[in-house]
Amino acid sequence: QVSLVESGGGLVQAGDSLRLSCVASKWTFSSYAMAWFRQGPGKEREFVAAISWSGGTSDYADSVKGRFTISREYAKTTIYLQMNSLKPEDTAIYYCAAHPFWVDKPLENYDYWGQGTQVTVSS
């Protein structure tokens, strides 16, 4: 059974940092590329960052480059999203997703999704 469970969201102030976690089932984690997407109020879900199954390749949305870092920890079957210098426009529900092959941006190419975790950044 595929399972993705996010955590780590919360309410922070602009300029603060936050780290999101996504625990994946072992089967998913060992063979899938993983990604973070987000959906802000009244907006469509958008790509944030992705990492290959090996961890050797990653990609980021232009809006978060230099501020966010995606990583994966195999022993804990967990991926992380370290978010620094947060801005009010980063406010969104953040979702973890699994892709069967490679780092990719279109959300329709992702097979599995978590339930999301809310991040709110106040100005």
C-alpha atoms as a PDB file:
ATOM      1  CA  GLN A   1       0.000   0.000   0.000  1.00  0.00           C
ATOM      2  CA  VAL A   2       1.363   3.398  -1.013  1.00  0.00           C
ATOM      3  CA  SER A   3       1.369   5.978   1.723  1.00  0.00           C
ATOM      4  CA  LEU A   4       2.640   9.556   1.836  1.00  0.00           C
ATOM      5  CA  VAL A   5       2.216  11.511   5.053  1.00  0.00           C
ATOM      6  CA  GLU A   6       3.312  15.128   5.354  1.00  0.00           C
ATOM      7  CA  SER A   7       4.039  17.068   8.521  1.00  0.00           C
ATOM      8  CA  GLY A   8       5.834  20.171   9.711  1.00  0.00           C
ATOM      9  CA  GLY A   9       3.517  22.910   8.544  1.00  0.00           C
ATOM     10  CA  GLY A  10       2.554  25.830  10.720  1.00  0.00           C
ATOM     11  CA  LEU A  11       2.221  29.570  11.163  1.00  0.00           C
ATOM     12  CA  VAL A  12       5.439  31.581  10.862  1.00  0.00           C
ATOM     13  CA  GLN A  13       6.495  35.147  10.183  1.00  0.00           C
ATOM     14  CA  ALA A  14       8.095  36.436   7.016  1.00  0.00           C
ATOM     15  CA  GLY A  15      11.802  35.685   7.006  1.00  0.00           C
ATOM     16  CA  ASP A  16      11.462  32.611   9.208  1.00  0.00           C
ATOM     17  CA  SER A  17      12.380  29.051   8.294  1.00  0.00           C
ATOM     18  CA  LEU A  18      10.362  25.841   8.345  1.00  0.00           C
ATOM     19  CA  ARG A  19      11.105  22.230   7.460  1.00  0.00           C
ATOM     20  CA  LEU A  20       8.436  19.975   6.015  1.00  0.00           C
ATOM     21  CA  SER A  21       8.669  16.189   6.144  1.00  0.00           C
ATOM     22  CA  CYS A  22       6.993  13.485   4.094  1.00  0.00           C
ATOM     23  CA  VAL A  23       7.199   9.884   5.230  1.00  0.00           C
ATOM     24  CA  ALA A  24       6.712   7.420   2.385  1.00  0.00           C
ATOM     25  CA  SER A  25       6.053   3.726   2.369  1.00  0.00           C
ATOM     26  CA  LYS A  26       9.234   1.765   1.754  1.00  0.00           C
ATOM     27  CA  TRP A  27       8.098   0.477  -1.614  1.00  0.00           C
ATOM     28  CA  THR A  28       7.351   3.979  -2.861  1.00  0.00           C
ATOM     29  CA  PHE A  29      10.495   5.517  -1.546  1.00  0.00           C
ATOM     30  CA  SER A  30      12.951   3.066  -3.050  1.00  0.00           C
ATOM     31  CA  SER A  31      11.812   3.393  -6.638  1.00  0.00           C
ATOM     32  CA  TYR A  32      10.061   6.746  -7.082  1.00  0.00           C
ATOM     33  CA  ALA A  33      11.171  10.281  -7.653  1.00  0.00           C
ATOM     34  CA  MET A  34       9.582  12.532  -5.035  1.00  0.00           C
ATOM     35  CA  ALA A  35       8.329  16.078  -5.173  1.00  0.00           C
ATOM     36  CA  TRP A  36       6.654  18.898  -3.304  1.00  0.00           C
ATOM     37  CA  PHE A  37       3.757  20.856  -4.760  1.00  0.00           C
ATOM     38  CA  ARG A  38       1.720  23.634  -3.182  1.00  0.00           C
ATOM     39  CA  GLN A  39      -1.687  25.188  -3.581  1.00  0.00           C
ATOM     40  CA  GLY A  40      -2.259  28.706  -2.330  1.00  0.00           C
ATOM     41  CA  PRO A  41      -5.655  30.267  -1.613  1.00  0.00           C
ATOM     42  CA  GLY A  42      -7.594  30.600  -4.849  1.00  0.00           C
ATOM     43  CA  LYS A  43      -4.686  29.254  -6.876  1.00  0.00           C
ATOM     44  CA  GLU A  44      -3.955  26.107  -8.830  1.00  0.00           C
ATOM     45  CA  ARG A  45      -1.597  23.513  -7.460  1.00  0.00           C
ATOM     46  CA  GLU A  46       1.953  24.243  -8.572  1.00  0.00           C
ATOM     47  CA  PHE A  47       5.310  22.527  -8.645  1.00  0.00           C
ATOM     48  CA  VAL A  48       7.791  23.493  -5.928  1.00  0.00           C
ATOM     49  CA  ALA A  49      10.677  21.018  -5.968  1.00  0.00           C
ATOM     50  CA  ALA A  50      11.531  17.451  -6.938  1.00  0.00           C
ATOM     51  CA  ILE A  51      14.321  14.954  -6.285  1.00  0.00           C
ATOM     52  CA  SER A  52      15.255  11.783  -8.136  1.00  0.00           C
ATOM     53  CA  TRP A  53      15.063   8.346  -6.542  1.00  0.00           C
ATOM     54  CA  SER A  54      18.851   8.356  -6.180  1.00  0.00           C
ATOM     55  CA  GLY A  55      18.962  11.870  -4.780  1.00  0.00           C
ATOM     56  CA  GLY A  56      21.412  12.891  -7.459  1.00  0.00           C
ATOM     57  CA  THR A  57      19.090  15.171  -9.395  1.00  0.00           C
ATOM     58  CA  SER A  58      16.796  17.910  -8.161  1.00  0.00           C
ATOM     59  CA  ASP A  59      14.788  20.730  -9.654  1.00  0.00           C
ATOM     60  CA  TYR A  60      13.071  23.789  -8.250  1.00  0.00           C
ATOM     61  CA  ALA A  61      10.474  26.321  -9.244  1.00  0.00           C
ATOM     62  CA  ASP A  62      12.025  29.696  -9.999  1.00  0.00           C
ATOM     63  CA  SER A  63      10.041  31.263  -7.165  1.00  0.00           C
ATOM     64  CA  VAL A  64      11.804  29.148  -4.529  1.00  0.00           C
ATOM     65  CA  LYS A  65      15.303  28.710  -5.955  1.00  0.00           C
ATOM     66  CA  GLY A  66      17.939  29.717  -3.448  1.00  0.00           C
ATOM     67  CA  ARG A  67      15.458  29.610  -0.569  1.00  0.00           C
ATOM     68  CA  PHE A  68      14.114  26.031  -0.520  1.00  0.00           C
ATOM     69  CA  THR A  69      16.058  22.769  -0.475  1.00  0.00           C
ATOM     70  CA  ILE A  70      14.654  19.305  -1.100  1.00  0.00           C
ATOM     71  CA  SER A  71      16.410  16.240   0.291  1.00  0.00           C
ATOM     72  CA  ARG A  72      15.718  12.602   1.065  1.00  0.00           C
ATOM     73  CA  GLU A  73      16.789  10.335   3.887  1.00  0.00           C
ATOM     74  CA  TYR A  74      16.667   6.666   2.942  1.00  0.00           C
ATOM     75  CA  ALA A  75      16.939   5.227   6.447  1.00  0.00           C
ATOM     76  CA  LYS A  76      13.731   7.007   7.417  1.00  0.00           C
ATOM     77  CA  THR A  77      12.049   6.799   3.975  1.00  0.00           C
ATOM     78  CA  THR A  78      11.475  10.503   4.324  1.00  0.00           C
ATOM     79  CA  ILE A  79      11.869  13.526   2.112  1.00  0.00           C
ATOM     80  CA  TYR A  80      12.259  17.021   3.432  1.00  0.00           C
ATOM     81  CA  LEU A  81      11.648  20.526   2.222  1.00  0.00           C
ATOM     82  CA  GLN A  82      13.786  23.052   4.045  1.00  0.00           C
ATOM     83  CA  MET A  83      12.206  26.465   3.530  1.00  0.00           C
ATOM     84  CA  ASN A  84      14.202  29.568   4.399  1.00  0.00           C
ATOM     85  CA  SER A  85      13.456  33.269   4.046  1.00  0.00           C
ATOM     86  CA  LEU A  86       9.762  32.548   3.864  1.00  0.00           C
ATOM     87  CA  LYS A  87       7.463  35.097   2.245  1.00  0.00           C
ATOM     88  CA  PRO A  88       3.716  35.656   2.602  1.00  0.00           C
ATOM     89  CA  GLU A  89       3.298  34.403  -0.968  1.00  0.00           C
ATOM     90  CA  ASP A  90       4.630  31.021   0.168  1.00  0.00           C
ATOM     91  CA  THR A  91       1.399  30.540   2.115  1.00  0.00           C
ATOM     92  CA  ALA A  92      -0.212  27.357   0.797  1.00  0.00           C
ATOM     93  CA  ILE A  93      -1.044  23.756   1.464  1.00  0.00           C
ATOM     94  CA  TYR A  94       2.077  21.773   0.657  1.00  0.00           C
ATOM     95  CA  TYR A  95       1.711  18.302  -0.838  1.00  0.00           C
ATOM     96  CA  CYS A  96       4.174  15.476  -1.200  1.00  0.00           C
ATOM     97  CA  ALA A  97       3.943  13.407  -4.400  1.00  0.00           C
ATOM     98  CA  ALA A  98       5.595  10.362  -5.972  1.00  0.00           C
ATOM     99  CA  HIS A  99       6.600  10.000  -9.640  1.00  0.00           C
ATOM    100  CA  PRO A 100       7.325   6.540 -11.079  1.00  0.00           C
ATOM    101  CA  PHE A 101      10.337   7.546 -13.132  1.00  0.00           C
ATOM    102  CA  TRP A 102      12.113  10.888 -12.897  1.00  0.00           C
ATOM    103  CA  VAL A 103      12.182  14.495 -11.739  1.00  0.00           C
ATOM    104  CA  ASP A 104       9.231  16.138 -13.454  1.00  0.00           C
ATOM    105  CA  LYS A 105       7.055  19.222 -13.093  1.00  0.00           C
ATOM    106  CA  PRO A 106       3.547  18.476 -14.443  1.00  0.00           C
ATOM    107  CA  LEU A 107       1.405  17.365 -11.539  1.00  0.00           C
ATOM    108  CA  GLU A 108      -0.613  14.991 -13.739  1.00  0.00           C
ATOM    109  CA  ASN A 109       2.481  12.813 -14.075  1.00  0.00           C
ATOM    110  CA  TYR A 110       2.556  12.013 -10.366  1.00  0.00           C
ATOM    111  CA  ASP A 111       0.912   8.810  -9.232  1.00  0.00           C
ATOM    112  CA  TYR A 112       0.511   9.274  -5.511  1.00  0.00           C
ATOM    113  CA  TRP A 113      -0.214  12.199  -3.221  1.00  0.00           C
ATOM    114  CA  GLY A 114      -0.236  12.951   0.462  1.00  0.00           C
ATOM    115  CA  GLN A 115      -2.994  14.771   2.290  1.00  0.00           C
ATOM    116  CA  GLY A 116      -1.073  18.052   2.564  1.00  0.00           C
ATOM    117  CA  THR A 117       0.207  20.267   5.353  1.00  0.00           C
ATOM    118  CA  GLN A 118      -0.679  23.937   5.787  1.00  0.00           C
ATOM    119  CA  VAL A 119       2.018  26.602   5.772  1.00  0.00           C
ATOM    120  CA  THR A 120       0.998  30.149   6.632  1.00  0.00           C
ATOM    121  CA  VAL A 121       3.467  33.017   6.478  1.00  0.00           C
ATOM    122  CA  SER A 122       2.415  36.295   8.052  1.00  0.00           C
ATOM    123  CA  SER A 123       3.872  39.630   7.024  1.00  0.00           C
END
